[in-house]
Amino acid sequence: MKTMSVGEFKANFSEALRKVLAGEEIGISYGKRKEIVARLVPKSTIKAHKRKIGIFEGKGAVHFTQDFSMTTKEFLGV
C-alpha cells in the first residue's frame, strides 16, 4: 500500500485515482505523526454484505391497550 500525505494527495488526486483504478490501495496520512487516517481501495475489493433480516425478532414488543385512541390531529401532528 502506497502512503500519501494530505497535501500530496490533493496535488496528485488524478494520479491517485488512476492507481486505485489499477488495483492499488492508497493510505492517506495526516498530522505531525503522519498517521494513516483513511484508505482508498478499489471498489472491486469490497465484499458486499448480505443484510440479515429479522435481527430484532424477539428482542422487544409493542402492546396497545383497549382504551388507546388518537385523534386525527394528534396523528398528523397538527
N, C-alpha and C. Protein backbone atom coordinates (compact mmCIF):
# COMPACT_ATOMS: atom_id res chain seq x y z
N MET A 1 0.85 -1.17 0.00
CA MET A 1 0.00 0.00 0.00
C MET A 1 0.89 1.23 0.00
N LYS A 2 0.63 2.12 -0.92
CA LYS A 2 1.35 3.38 -1.00
C LYS A 2 0.72 4.36 -0.02
N THR A 3 1.54 5.18 0.64
CA THR A 3 1.05 6.19 1.57
C THR A 3 1.33 7.58 1.02
N MET A 4 0.32 8.46 1.12
CA MET A 4 0.46 9.84 0.66
C MET A 4 -0.01 10.77 1.78
N SER A 5 0.65 11.92 1.93
CA SER A 5 0.17 12.92 2.87
C SER A 5 -1.04 13.61 2.24
N VAL A 6 -1.77 14.35 3.06
CA VAL A 6 -2.95 15.04 2.56
C VAL A 6 -2.58 16.01 1.44
N GLY A 7 -1.51 16.78 1.63
CA GLY A 7 -1.07 17.73 0.61
C GLY A 7 -0.66 17.05 -0.68
N GLU A 8 0.07 15.96 -0.55
CA GLU A 8 0.49 15.20 -1.74
C GLU A 8 -0.73 14.61 -2.45
N PHE A 9 -1.69 14.14 -1.66
CA PHE A 9 -2.91 13.58 -2.23
C PHE A 9 -3.70 14.65 -2.99
N LYS A 10 -3.82 15.84 -2.40
CA LYS A 10 -4.53 16.93 -3.07
C LYS A 10 -3.85 17.32 -4.37
N ALA A 11 -2.53 17.37 -4.35
CA ALA A 11 -1.78 17.79 -5.54
C ALA A 11 -1.82 16.73 -6.65
N ASN A 12 -1.95 15.47 -6.28
CA ASN A 12 -1.89 14.37 -7.26
C ASN A 12 -3.17 13.53 -7.24
N PHE A 13 -4.31 14.18 -7.11
CA PHE A 13 -5.58 13.47 -6.98
C PHE A 13 -5.86 12.56 -8.17
N SER A 14 -5.70 13.06 -9.37
CA SER A 14 -5.99 12.26 -10.57
C SER A 14 -5.07 11.05 -10.66
N GLU A 15 -3.81 11.25 -10.34
CA GLU A 15 -2.85 10.14 -10.37
C GLU A 15 -3.22 9.08 -9.33
N ALA A 16 -3.64 9.54 -8.15
CA ALA A 16 -4.05 8.62 -7.10
C ALA A 16 -5.25 7.79 -7.54
N LEU A 17 -6.22 8.43 -8.18
CA LEU A 17 -7.39 7.69 -8.66
C LEU A 17 -7.01 6.68 -9.74
N ARG A 18 -6.08 7.04 -10.61
CA ARG A 18 -5.62 6.08 -11.63
C ARG A 18 -5.00 4.85 -10.98
N LYS A 19 -4.21 5.07 -9.93
CA LYS A 19 -3.59 3.94 -9.23
C LYS A 19 -4.64 3.06 -8.55
N VAL A 20 -5.65 3.69 -7.96
CA VAL A 20 -6.72 2.92 -7.33
C VAL A 20 -7.48 2.12 -8.37
N LEU A 21 -7.76 2.73 -9.51
CA LEU A 21 -8.45 2.00 -10.59
C LEU A 21 -7.62 0.84 -11.10
N ALA A 22 -6.29 0.95 -10.99
CA ALA A 22 -5.39 -0.13 -11.42
C ALA A 22 -5.28 -1.23 -10.37
N GLY A 23 -5.93 -1.03 -9.20
CA GLY A 23 -5.94 -2.07 -8.18
C GLY A 23 -5.06 -1.81 -6.97
N GLU A 24 -4.43 -0.66 -6.89
CA GLU A 24 -3.54 -0.36 -5.78
C GLU A 24 -4.30 0.33 -4.65
N GLU A 25 -3.93 0.04 -3.40
CA GLU A 25 -4.51 0.72 -2.24
C GLU A 25 -3.63 1.90 -1.87
N ILE A 26 -4.25 2.99 -1.46
CA ILE A 26 -3.51 4.18 -1.07
C ILE A 26 -3.95 4.61 0.32
N GLY A 27 -2.99 4.78 1.22
CA GLY A 27 -3.26 5.29 2.56
C GLY A 27 -3.00 6.78 2.59
N ILE A 28 -3.86 7.53 3.27
CA ILE A 28 -3.70 8.98 3.37
C ILE A 28 -3.31 9.31 4.81
N SER A 29 -2.13 9.92 4.95
CA SER A 29 -1.62 10.24 6.28
C SER A 29 -1.88 11.70 6.61
N TYR A 30 -1.97 12.01 7.92
CA TYR A 30 -2.32 13.34 8.37
C TYR A 30 -1.63 13.64 9.69
N GLY A 31 -1.27 14.88 9.87
CA GLY A 31 -0.73 15.34 11.14
C GLY A 31 0.78 15.19 11.24
N LYS A 32 1.30 15.61 12.40
CA LYS A 32 2.74 15.55 12.65
C LYS A 32 3.27 14.12 12.68
N ARG A 33 2.44 13.23 13.20
CA ARG A 33 2.87 11.83 13.32
C ARG A 33 2.70 11.05 12.03
N LYS A 34 2.12 11.68 11.02
CA LYS A 34 1.88 11.04 9.71
C LYS A 34 1.08 9.73 9.88
N GLU A 35 0.08 9.81 10.72
CA GLU A 35 -0.77 8.65 10.99
C GLU A 35 -1.76 8.47 9.84
N ILE A 36 -1.94 7.25 9.39
CA ILE A 36 -2.88 6.97 8.30
C ILE A 36 -4.30 7.10 8.85
N VAL A 37 -5.07 8.02 8.26
CA VAL A 37 -6.43 8.28 8.72
C VAL A 37 -7.48 7.77 7.74
N ALA A 38 -7.07 7.43 6.52
CA ALA A 38 -8.02 6.93 5.53
C ALA A 38 -7.30 6.04 4.53
N ARG A 39 -8.08 5.19 3.88
CA ARG A 39 -7.55 4.34 2.81
C ARG A 39 -8.47 4.41 1.62
N LEU A 40 -7.88 4.49 0.45
CA LEU A 40 -8.64 4.37 -0.80
C LEU A 40 -8.38 2.98 -1.34
N VAL A 41 -9.44 2.25 -1.56
CA VAL A 41 -9.30 0.88 -2.07
C VAL A 41 -10.17 0.73 -3.31
N PRO A 42 -9.78 -0.13 -4.22
CA PRO A 42 -10.61 -0.36 -5.41
C PRO A 42 -11.97 -0.92 -5.02
N LYS A 43 -12.99 -0.50 -5.72
CA LYS A 43 -14.35 -0.95 -5.43
C LYS A 43 -14.49 -2.46 -5.57
N SER A 44 -13.72 -3.04 -6.45
CA SER A 44 -13.82 -4.48 -6.70
C SER A 44 -13.35 -5.31 -5.50
N THR A 45 -12.57 -4.73 -4.59
CA THR A 45 -12.07 -5.49 -3.44
C THR A 45 -13.05 -5.51 -2.27
N ILE A 46 -14.08 -4.66 -2.34
CA ILE A 46 -15.05 -4.59 -1.25
C ILE A 46 -16.09 -5.68 -1.45
N LYS A 47 -16.28 -6.48 -0.41
CA LYS A 47 -17.25 -7.56 -0.48
C LYS A 47 -18.62 -7.03 -0.06
N ALA A 48 -19.63 -7.40 -0.80
CA ALA A 48 -20.99 -6.98 -0.46
C ALA A 48 -21.48 -7.81 0.71
N HIS A 49 -21.99 -7.14 1.71
CA HIS A 49 -22.53 -7.83 2.87
C HIS A 49 -24.02 -8.08 2.65
N LYS A 50 -24.41 -9.31 2.89
CA LYS A 50 -25.83 -9.62 2.78
C LYS A 50 -26.50 -9.15 4.06
N ARG A 51 -27.64 -8.50 3.89
CA ARG A 51 -28.36 -8.00 5.04
C ARG A 51 -29.12 -9.13 5.71
N LYS A 52 -28.97 -9.22 7.00
CA LYS A 52 -29.66 -10.25 7.75
C LYS A 52 -31.03 -9.70 8.14
N ILE A 53 -32.08 -10.40 7.74
CA ILE A 53 -33.44 -9.95 8.01
C ILE A 53 -33.92 -10.56 9.32
N GLY A 54 -34.58 -9.74 10.11
CA GLY A 54 -35.16 -10.21 11.36
C GLY A 54 -34.20 -10.23 12.52
N ILE A 55 -33.20 -9.35 12.52
CA ILE A 55 -32.21 -9.38 13.60
C ILE A 55 -32.79 -8.93 14.93
N PHE A 56 -33.91 -8.20 14.92
CA PHE A 56 -34.52 -7.74 16.17
C PHE A 56 -35.72 -8.60 16.59
N GLU A 57 -35.94 -9.68 15.88
CA GLU A 57 -37.07 -10.54 16.21
C GLU A 57 -36.91 -11.10 17.62
N GLY A 58 -37.96 -10.95 18.42
CA GLY A 58 -37.94 -11.45 19.78
C GLY A 58 -37.21 -10.55 20.77
N LYS A 59 -36.73 -9.41 20.34
CA LYS A 59 -35.98 -8.51 21.22
C LYS A 59 -36.86 -7.49 21.93
N GLY A 60 -38.07 -7.29 21.46
CA GLY A 60 -38.96 -6.30 22.06
C GLY A 60 -40.39 -6.56 21.64
N ALA A 61 -41.29 -5.82 22.25
CA ALA A 61 -42.70 -6.00 21.93
C ALA A 61 -43.42 -4.67 22.06
N VAL A 62 -44.53 -4.54 21.35
CA VAL A 62 -45.39 -3.37 21.42
C VAL A 62 -46.79 -3.85 21.76
N HIS A 63 -47.38 -3.23 22.75
CA HIS A 63 -48.73 -3.61 23.16
C HIS A 63 -49.60 -2.37 23.20
N PHE A 64 -50.81 -2.46 22.65
CA PHE A 64 -51.79 -1.38 22.69
C PHE A 64 -52.96 -1.84 23.55
N THR A 65 -53.36 -0.99 24.48
CA THR A 65 -54.49 -1.33 25.33
C THR A 65 -55.79 -1.03 24.59
N GLN A 66 -56.89 -1.54 25.14
CA GLN A 66 -58.20 -1.35 24.51
C GLN A 66 -58.61 0.12 24.47
N ASP A 67 -58.19 0.90 25.47
CA ASP A 67 -58.61 2.30 25.51
C ASP A 67 -57.67 3.23 24.75
N PHE A 68 -56.75 2.67 23.97
CA PHE A 68 -55.83 3.50 23.20
C PHE A 68 -56.58 4.16 22.06
N SER A 69 -56.44 5.49 21.96
CA SER A 69 -57.05 6.20 20.84
C SER A 69 -56.22 7.45 20.54
N MET A 70 -56.29 7.86 19.31
CA MET A 70 -55.54 9.03 18.87
C MET A 70 -56.42 9.78 17.89
N THR A 71 -56.51 11.07 18.10
CA THR A 71 -57.30 11.87 17.17
C THR A 71 -56.54 12.07 15.87
N THR A 72 -57.25 12.48 14.85
CA THR A 72 -56.61 12.73 13.56
C THR A 72 -55.56 13.84 13.67
N LYS A 73 -55.88 14.88 14.46
CA LYS A 73 -54.94 15.99 14.64
C LYS A 73 -53.66 15.51 15.34
N GLU A 74 -53.80 14.65 16.37
CA GLU A 74 -52.62 14.12 17.04
C GLU A 74 -51.78 13.26 16.09
N PHE A 75 -52.46 12.46 15.27
CA PHE A 75 -51.78 11.60 14.32
C PHE A 75 -51.00 12.42 13.29
N LEU A 76 -51.59 13.50 12.81
CA LEU A 76 -50.94 14.33 11.81
C LEU A 76 -49.97 15.34 12.40
N GLY A 77 -49.97 15.49 13.73
CA GLY A 77 -49.04 16.42 14.40
C GLY A 77 -49.42 17.87 14.19
N VAL A 78 -50.71 18.12 14.02
CA VAL A 78 -51.20 19.50 13.78
C VAL A 78 -51.47 20.19 15.09
